[in-house]
Amino acid sequence: MTLTNRHIEEVCLLHQMDMTKTCRYLVCDDLEDGKWYCQKMRSETKARIDGEISTLDKASLVKLGIPAGDNCEGFPLMKHMMQGFDLD
């Protein structure tokens, strides 16, 4: 699902200066710039993302500009439905 802008800013913390708080499961749509999804519920994606950062400490993540936060609620992937904490 496309996450609402408010959800991206207030829950996923996309534009925070501290990359250790920005959600690492947040993924931008390949075809539509500006559409964001949380991939935390997709076990294969979560495992891949967690595996990629498991060997790095937080200082290394920050240097590389890699988000390290585990703060984004997962939603099923539905590209044509807007979702977020601010919607029913």
N, C-alpha and C. Protein backbone atom coordinates (compact mmCIF):
# COMPACT_ATOMS: atom_id res chain seq x y z
N MET A 1 0.83 -1.17 0.00
CA MET A 1 0.00 0.00 0.00
C MET A 1 0.87 1.22 0.00
N THR A 2 0.37 2.20 -0.60
CA THR A 2 1.05 3.47 -0.54
C THR A 2 0.80 4.06 0.84
N LEU A 3 1.83 4.45 1.52
CA LEU A 3 1.67 5.06 2.83
C LEU A 3 1.37 6.55 2.68
N THR A 4 0.54 7.08 3.58
CA THR A 4 0.22 8.49 3.54
C THR A 4 1.46 9.30 3.90
N ASN A 5 1.51 10.53 3.45
CA ASN A 5 2.64 11.40 3.76
C ASN A 5 2.81 11.56 5.26
N ARG A 6 1.68 11.69 5.97
CA ARG A 6 1.75 11.87 7.42
C ARG A 6 2.36 10.63 8.09
N HIS A 7 1.99 9.45 7.63
CA HIS A 7 2.54 8.21 8.18
C HIS A 7 4.05 8.13 7.92
N ILE A 8 4.44 8.49 6.72
CA ILE A 8 5.87 8.46 6.36
C ILE A 8 6.67 9.42 7.23
N GLU A 9 6.12 10.61 7.47
CA GLU A 9 6.84 11.61 8.25
C GLU A 9 6.84 11.31 9.74
N GLU A 10 5.68 10.90 10.29
CA GLU A 10 5.53 10.78 11.74
C GLU A 10 5.82 9.39 12.30
N VAL A 11 5.67 8.35 11.49
CA VAL A 11 5.91 6.99 11.98
C VAL A 11 7.22 6.44 11.41
N CYS A 12 7.39 6.54 10.11
CA CYS A 12 8.59 5.99 9.47
C CYS A 12 9.79 6.94 9.57
N LEU A 13 9.52 8.22 9.88
CA LEU A 13 10.57 9.22 10.10
C LEU A 13 11.51 9.36 8.91
N LEU A 14 10.93 9.41 7.71
CA LEU A 14 11.72 9.39 6.48
C LEU A 14 12.75 10.52 6.39
N HIS A 15 12.40 11.72 6.78
CA HIS A 15 13.31 12.85 6.58
C HIS A 15 14.04 13.27 7.85
N GLN A 16 14.19 12.36 8.79
CA GLN A 16 14.93 12.67 10.01
C GLN A 16 16.43 12.71 9.71
N MET A 17 17.14 13.54 10.43
CA MET A 17 18.59 13.62 10.26
C MET A 17 19.26 12.36 10.82
N ASP A 18 18.67 11.77 11.84
CA ASP A 18 19.23 10.58 12.48
C ASP A 18 18.75 9.33 11.74
N MET A 19 19.61 8.78 10.89
CA MET A 19 19.24 7.62 10.08
C MET A 19 19.00 6.37 10.93
N THR A 20 19.45 6.38 12.19
CA THR A 20 19.21 5.22 13.03
C THR A 20 17.75 5.14 13.46
N LYS A 21 16.99 6.23 13.26
CA LYS A 21 15.57 6.23 13.62
C LYS A 21 14.66 6.04 12.41
N THR A 22 15.16 6.34 11.21
CA THR A 22 14.35 6.18 10.00
C THR A 22 14.12 4.70 9.73
N CYS A 23 12.91 4.35 9.33
CA CYS A 23 12.57 2.95 9.13
C CYS A 23 13.38 2.30 8.01
N ARG A 24 13.99 1.18 8.31
CA ARG A 24 14.79 0.47 7.31
C ARG A 24 13.93 -0.34 6.35
N TYR A 25 12.66 -0.53 6.66
CA TYR A 25 11.79 -1.33 5.80
C TYR A 25 11.02 -0.48 4.79
N LEU A 26 11.27 0.80 4.77
CA LEU A 26 10.58 1.70 3.86
C LEU A 26 11.20 1.59 2.47
N VAL A 27 10.35 1.31 1.47
CA VAL A 27 10.84 1.09 0.11
C VAL A 27 10.07 1.99 -0.85
N CYS A 28 10.80 2.65 -1.74
CA CYS A 28 10.18 3.51 -2.75
C CYS A 28 9.76 2.65 -3.94
N ASP A 29 8.60 2.98 -4.52
CA ASP A 29 8.11 2.26 -5.69
C ASP A 29 9.09 2.42 -6.85
N ASP A 30 9.38 1.34 -7.54
CA ASP A 30 10.32 1.37 -8.67
C ASP A 30 9.80 2.20 -9.84
N LEU A 31 8.50 2.19 -10.04
CA LEU A 31 7.93 2.84 -11.21
C LEU A 31 7.32 4.21 -10.92
N GLU A 32 6.86 4.44 -9.69
CA GLU A 32 6.21 5.70 -9.36
C GLU A 32 6.94 6.39 -8.23
N ASP A 33 7.72 7.39 -8.56
CA ASP A 33 8.46 8.15 -7.57
C ASP A 33 7.47 8.82 -6.61
N GLY A 34 7.78 8.78 -5.33
CA GLY A 34 6.92 9.41 -4.35
C GLY A 34 5.94 8.45 -3.68
N LYS A 35 5.87 7.21 -4.17
CA LYS A 35 5.05 6.19 -3.51
C LYS A 35 5.96 5.36 -2.63
N TRP A 36 5.59 5.23 -1.37
CA TRP A 36 6.41 4.49 -0.41
C TRP A 36 5.60 3.36 0.21
N TYR A 37 6.27 2.25 0.49
CA TYR A 37 5.65 1.08 1.10
C TYR A 37 6.51 0.63 2.28
N CYS A 38 5.85 0.06 3.29
CA CYS A 38 6.59 -0.58 4.39
C CYS A 38 6.60 -2.08 4.13
N GLN A 39 7.77 -2.66 4.04
CA GLN A 39 7.92 -4.06 3.68
C GLN A 39 8.15 -4.96 4.89
N LYS A 40 7.82 -4.49 6.08
CA LYS A 40 8.09 -5.25 7.29
C LYS A 40 7.30 -6.55 7.37
N MET A 41 6.09 -6.59 6.82
CA MET A 41 5.27 -7.79 6.91
C MET A 41 5.66 -8.85 5.88
N ARG A 42 6.43 -8.49 4.88
CA ARG A 42 6.86 -9.47 3.87
C ARG A 42 8.12 -10.14 4.39
N SER A 43 7.99 -11.35 4.89
CA SER A 43 9.08 -12.01 5.61
C SER A 43 10.37 -12.11 4.80
N GLU A 44 10.24 -12.37 3.48
CA GLU A 44 11.46 -12.50 2.67
C GLU A 44 12.17 -11.16 2.53
N THR A 45 11.41 -10.08 2.40
CA THR A 45 12.02 -8.76 2.29
C THR A 45 12.62 -8.33 3.62
N LYS A 46 11.88 -8.56 4.71
CA LYS A 46 12.38 -8.21 6.04
C LYS A 46 13.68 -8.95 6.33
N ALA A 47 13.72 -10.24 6.03
CA ALA A 47 14.93 -11.04 6.27
C ALA A 47 16.10 -10.52 5.45
N ARG A 48 15.84 -10.15 4.19
CA ARG A 48 16.92 -9.63 3.33
C ARG A 48 17.46 -8.32 3.88
N ILE A 49 16.55 -7.42 4.24
CA ILE A 49 16.97 -6.11 4.76
C ILE A 49 17.72 -6.27 6.07
N ASP A 50 17.18 -7.09 6.98
CA ASP A 50 17.86 -7.32 8.26
C ASP A 50 19.23 -7.95 8.05
N GLY A 51 19.33 -8.86 7.09
CA GLY A 51 20.60 -9.51 6.81
C GLY A 51 21.64 -8.54 6.27
N GLU A 52 21.19 -7.59 5.45
CA GLU A 52 22.12 -6.62 4.87
C GLU A 52 22.75 -5.73 5.92
N ILE A 53 22.00 -5.44 6.99
CA ILE A 53 22.56 -4.53 7.99
C ILE A 53 23.09 -5.23 9.23
N SER A 54 22.90 -6.54 9.32
CA SER A 54 23.28 -7.26 10.55
C SER A 54 24.77 -7.20 10.86
N THR A 55 25.59 -7.05 9.84
CA THR A 55 27.04 -7.05 10.07
C THR A 55 27.58 -5.65 10.35
N LEU A 56 26.72 -4.64 10.28
CA LEU A 56 27.17 -3.26 10.48
C LEU A 56 26.71 -2.71 11.82
N ASP A 57 27.56 -1.90 12.46
CA ASP A 57 27.12 -1.23 13.68
C ASP A 57 26.43 0.09 13.29
N LYS A 58 25.80 0.74 14.27
CA LYS A 58 25.02 1.95 13.96
C LYS A 58 25.89 3.06 13.37
N ALA A 59 27.12 3.19 13.83
CA ALA A 59 28.00 4.22 13.30
C ALA A 59 28.27 3.99 11.82
N SER A 60 28.47 2.74 11.45
CA SER A 60 28.72 2.41 10.04
C SER A 60 27.48 2.68 9.19
N LEU A 61 26.31 2.36 9.74
CA LEU A 61 25.06 2.61 9.02
C LEU A 61 24.90 4.09 8.73
N VAL A 62 25.17 4.91 9.74
CA VAL A 62 25.04 6.36 9.59
C VAL A 62 26.00 6.88 8.52
N LYS A 63 27.23 6.39 8.55
CA LYS A 63 28.22 6.81 7.55
C LYS A 63 27.77 6.46 6.14
N LEU A 64 27.16 5.30 5.99
CA LEU A 64 26.71 4.84 4.68
C LEU A 64 25.34 5.39 4.29
N GLY A 65 24.69 6.09 5.22
CA GLY A 65 23.37 6.65 4.93
C GLY A 65 22.28 5.59 4.85
N ILE A 66 22.44 4.51 5.61
CA ILE A 66 21.47 3.41 5.60
C ILE A 66 20.53 3.55 6.79
N PRO A 67 19.22 3.59 6.55
CA PRO A 67 18.27 3.67 7.66
C PRO A 67 18.35 2.43 8.54
N ALA A 68 18.27 2.62 9.86
CA ALA A 68 18.43 1.50 10.78
C ALA A 68 17.24 1.32 11.70
N GLY A 69 16.25 2.21 11.65
CA GLY A 69 15.12 2.14 12.58
C GLY A 69 14.18 0.98 12.29
N ASP A 70 13.56 0.47 13.35
CA ASP A 70 12.60 -0.63 13.23
C ASP A 70 11.23 -0.11 13.68
N ASN A 71 10.82 1.02 13.12
CA ASN A 71 9.66 1.72 13.65
C ASN A 71 8.48 1.79 12.70
N CYS A 72 8.52 1.14 11.57
CA CYS A 72 7.44 1.27 10.60
C CYS A 72 6.52 0.07 10.72
N GLU A 73 5.23 0.34 10.92
CA GLU A 73 4.27 -0.76 10.98
C GLU A 73 4.11 -1.34 9.60
N GLY A 74 4.05 -2.64 9.51
CA GLY A 74 3.92 -3.29 8.21
C GLY A 74 2.48 -3.35 7.74
N PHE A 75 2.30 -3.25 6.46
CA PHE A 75 1.00 -3.39 5.83
C PHE A 75 1.15 -4.33 4.65
N PRO A 76 0.09 -5.07 4.29
CA PRO A 76 0.18 -5.89 3.08
C PRO A 76 0.43 -5.00 1.87
N LEU A 77 1.17 -5.49 0.89
CA LEU A 77 1.49 -4.69 -0.29
C LEU A 77 0.27 -4.61 -1.21
N MET A 78 -0.33 -3.42 -1.28
CA MET A 78 -1.47 -3.15 -2.16
C MET A 78 -1.21 -1.78 -2.76
N LYS A 79 -0.72 -1.77 -3.98
CA LYS A 79 -0.21 -0.53 -4.58
C LYS A 79 -1.25 0.55 -4.83
N HIS A 80 -2.54 0.19 -4.86
CA HIS A 80 -3.54 1.19 -5.21
C HIS A 80 -4.42 1.57 -4.03
N MET A 81 -3.93 1.34 -2.82
CA MET A 81 -4.70 1.68 -1.63
C MET A 81 -3.84 2.50 -0.69
N MET A 82 -4.31 3.68 -0.32
CA MET A 82 -3.56 4.55 0.59
C MET A 82 -3.80 4.08 2.02
N GLN A 83 -2.71 3.92 2.79
CA GLN A 83 -2.86 3.52 4.18
C GLN A 83 -1.89 4.27 5.07
N GLY A 84 -2.21 4.25 6.35
CA GLY A 84 -1.38 4.88 7.35
C GLY A 84 -2.14 4.97 8.65
N PHE A 85 -1.46 5.38 9.71
CA PHE A 85 -2.11 5.46 11.01
C PHE A 85 -3.21 6.50 11.02
N ASP A 86 -3.14 7.45 10.10
CA ASP A 86 -4.09 8.55 10.07
C ASP A 86 -5.35 8.25 9.26
N LEU A 87 -5.48 7.02 8.74
CA LEU A 87 -6.66 6.61 7.99
C LEU A 87 -7.35 5.44 8.69
N ASP A 88 -8.64 5.27 8.45
CA ASP A 88 -9.38 4.12 9.00
C ASP A 88 -8.96 2.85 8.30
